[in-house]
């Protein structure tokens, strides 16, 4: 791509990226399952680690990007570190004591996809 300006290269890269994302979407749309329940909960066939990591990624994203730096700024780095340690311990205890019972309850409640 010698001779192209920087903005042209960026434009081409973005167009290629968008084309790939649309292609992936079209490919997986054709493989889509029949029900939204299978889509929302992965057909109940996901590995527990994948489920846990996905839940924590969506749960902690806003907190880690905005909340924890705010705690560090307002109260100091040591408080932010202790807050992060508390979050890790709380997440582990939640996974250890709540997750399995919640999974069983969702089956008892007619394969619920949310907490009734």
Protein backbone atom coordinates (compact mmCIF):
# COMPACT_ATOMS: atom_id res chain seq x y z
CA UNK A 1 0.00 0.00 0.00
CA UNK A 2 2.86 2.28 -0.76
CA UNK A 3 1.72 5.70 -1.86
CA UNK A 4 -1.60 5.72 0.01
CA UNK A 5 -2.12 8.39 2.60
CA UNK A 6 -2.67 7.46 6.24
CA UNK A 7 -6.35 8.35 6.23
CA UNK A 8 -6.94 6.21 3.13
CA UNK A 9 -5.27 3.23 4.80
CA UNK A 10 -7.42 3.71 7.88
CA UNK A 11 -10.55 3.93 5.74
CA UNK A 12 -9.66 0.72 3.87
CA UNK A 13 -8.92 -1.09 7.15
CA UNK A 14 -12.27 0.00 8.62
CA UNK A 15 -14.19 -1.07 5.51
CA UNK A 16 -12.47 -4.48 5.60
CA UNK A 17 -13.21 -4.83 9.32
CA UNK A 18 -16.89 -3.98 8.85
CA UNK A 19 -17.12 -6.41 5.93
CA UNK A 20 -15.63 -9.21 8.04
CA UNK A 21 -18.00 -8.49 10.95
CA UNK A 22 -21.00 -8.47 8.61
CA UNK A 23 -19.77 -11.70 7.01
CA UNK A 24 -19.49 -13.38 10.40
CA UNK A 25 -22.99 -12.18 11.29
CA UNK A 26 -24.47 -13.52 8.06
CA UNK A 27 -22.67 -16.86 8.48
CA UNK A 28 -23.92 -17.39 12.02
CA UNK A 29 -27.40 -16.11 11.24
CA UNK A 30 -27.79 -19.02 8.87
CA UNK A 31 -26.76 -21.37 11.67
CA UNK A 32 -29.09 -19.72 14.20
CA UNK A 33 -31.20 -21.81 16.49
CA UNK A 34 -34.97 -21.87 16.38
CA UNK A 35 -35.67 -20.24 19.72
CA UNK A 36 -34.48 -17.15 21.50
CA UNK A 37 -34.02 -19.21 24.67
CA UNK A 38 -31.33 -21.28 22.98
CA UNK A 39 -29.65 -18.08 21.82
CA UNK A 40 -29.81 -16.35 25.19
CA UNK A 41 -28.48 -19.23 27.25
CA UNK A 42 -26.42 -21.08 24.67
CA UNK A 43 -28.72 -24.08 24.61
CA UNK A 44 -27.60 -24.82 28.19
CA UNK A 45 -24.53 -26.47 26.71
CA UNK A 46 -21.81 -23.96 27.61
CA UNK A 47 -18.91 -24.94 29.79
CA UNK A 48 -19.27 -23.54 33.35
CA UNK A 49 -16.00 -21.64 32.98
CA UNK A 50 -17.19 -19.96 29.78
CA UNK A 51 -20.43 -19.01 31.48
CA UNK A 52 -18.64 -17.66 34.55
CA UNK A 53 -16.16 -15.64 32.51
CA UNK A 54 -18.92 -14.23 30.32
CA UNK A 55 -21.02 -13.25 33.31
CA UNK A 56 -18.11 -11.58 35.05
CA UNK A 57 -16.99 -9.77 31.90
CA UNK A 58 -20.40 -8.20 31.49
CA UNK A 59 -20.83 -7.61 35.22
CA UNK A 60 -17.48 -6.00 35.91
CA UNK A 61 -16.77 -4.07 32.71
CA UNK A 62 -18.33 -0.80 33.79
CA UNK A 63 -17.08 -1.08 37.34
CA UNK A 64 -13.49 -1.80 36.39
CA UNK A 65 -13.33 0.96 33.79
CA UNK A 66 -15.04 3.69 35.83
CA UNK A 67 -15.68 2.63 39.41
CA UNK A 68 -12.32 1.25 40.45
CA UNK A 69 -10.30 4.18 39.06
CA UNK A 70 -12.71 6.48 40.91
CA UNK A 71 -12.08 4.61 44.15
CA UNK A 72 -8.33 4.83 43.53
CA UNK A 73 -8.54 8.56 42.88
CA UNK A 74 -10.85 9.36 45.77
CA UNK A 75 -9.54 7.05 48.50
CA UNK A 76 -6.08 6.04 47.29
CA UNK A 77 -4.47 3.06 45.64
CA UNK A 78 -4.49 0.85 48.74
CA UNK A 79 -8.28 1.12 49.05
CA UNK A 80 -8.65 0.32 45.36
CA UNK A 81 -6.51 -2.78 45.78
CA UNK A 82 -8.55 -3.94 48.78
CA UNK A 83 -11.75 -3.24 46.85
CA UNK A 84 -10.49 -5.38 43.96
CA UNK A 85 -9.54 -8.17 46.36
CA UNK A 86 -13.00 -8.00 47.94
CA UNK A 87 -14.61 -8.18 44.51
CA UNK A 88 -12.56 -11.25 43.60
CA UNK A 89 -13.43 -13.01 46.85
CA UNK A 90 -17.11 -12.10 46.51
CA UNK A 91 -17.20 -13.33 42.93
CA UNK A 92 -15.59 -16.62 43.91
CA UNK A 93 -18.00 -17.13 46.82
CA UNK A 94 -20.93 -16.33 44.56
CA UNK A 95 -19.71 -18.88 42.04
CA UNK A 96 -19.08 -21.45 44.80
CA UNK A 97 -22.35 -21.15 46.73
CA UNK A 98 -24.98 -19.56 44.49
CA UNK A 99 -24.33 -20.61 40.89
CA UNK A 100 -25.10 -24.32 41.23
CA UNK A 101 -28.28 -23.74 43.23
CA UNK A 102 -29.40 -21.08 40.77
CA UNK A 103 -28.85 -23.48 37.87
CA UNK A 104 -30.92 -26.17 39.61
CA UNK A 105 -33.65 -23.64 40.41
CA UNK A 106 -33.81 -22.54 36.78
CA UNK A 107 -34.52 -26.15 35.79
CA UNK A 108 -37.18 -26.55 38.50
CA UNK A 109 -38.84 -23.32 37.33
CA UNK A 110 -39.41 -24.77 33.88
CA UNK A 111 -35.99 -24.08 32.35
CA UNK A 112 -36.22 -20.38 33.15
CA UNK A 113 -33.81 -18.12 31.32
CA UNK A 114 -34.06 -15.40 33.97
CA UNK A 115 -34.73 -15.50 37.67
CA UNK A 116 -38.52 -15.70 38.06
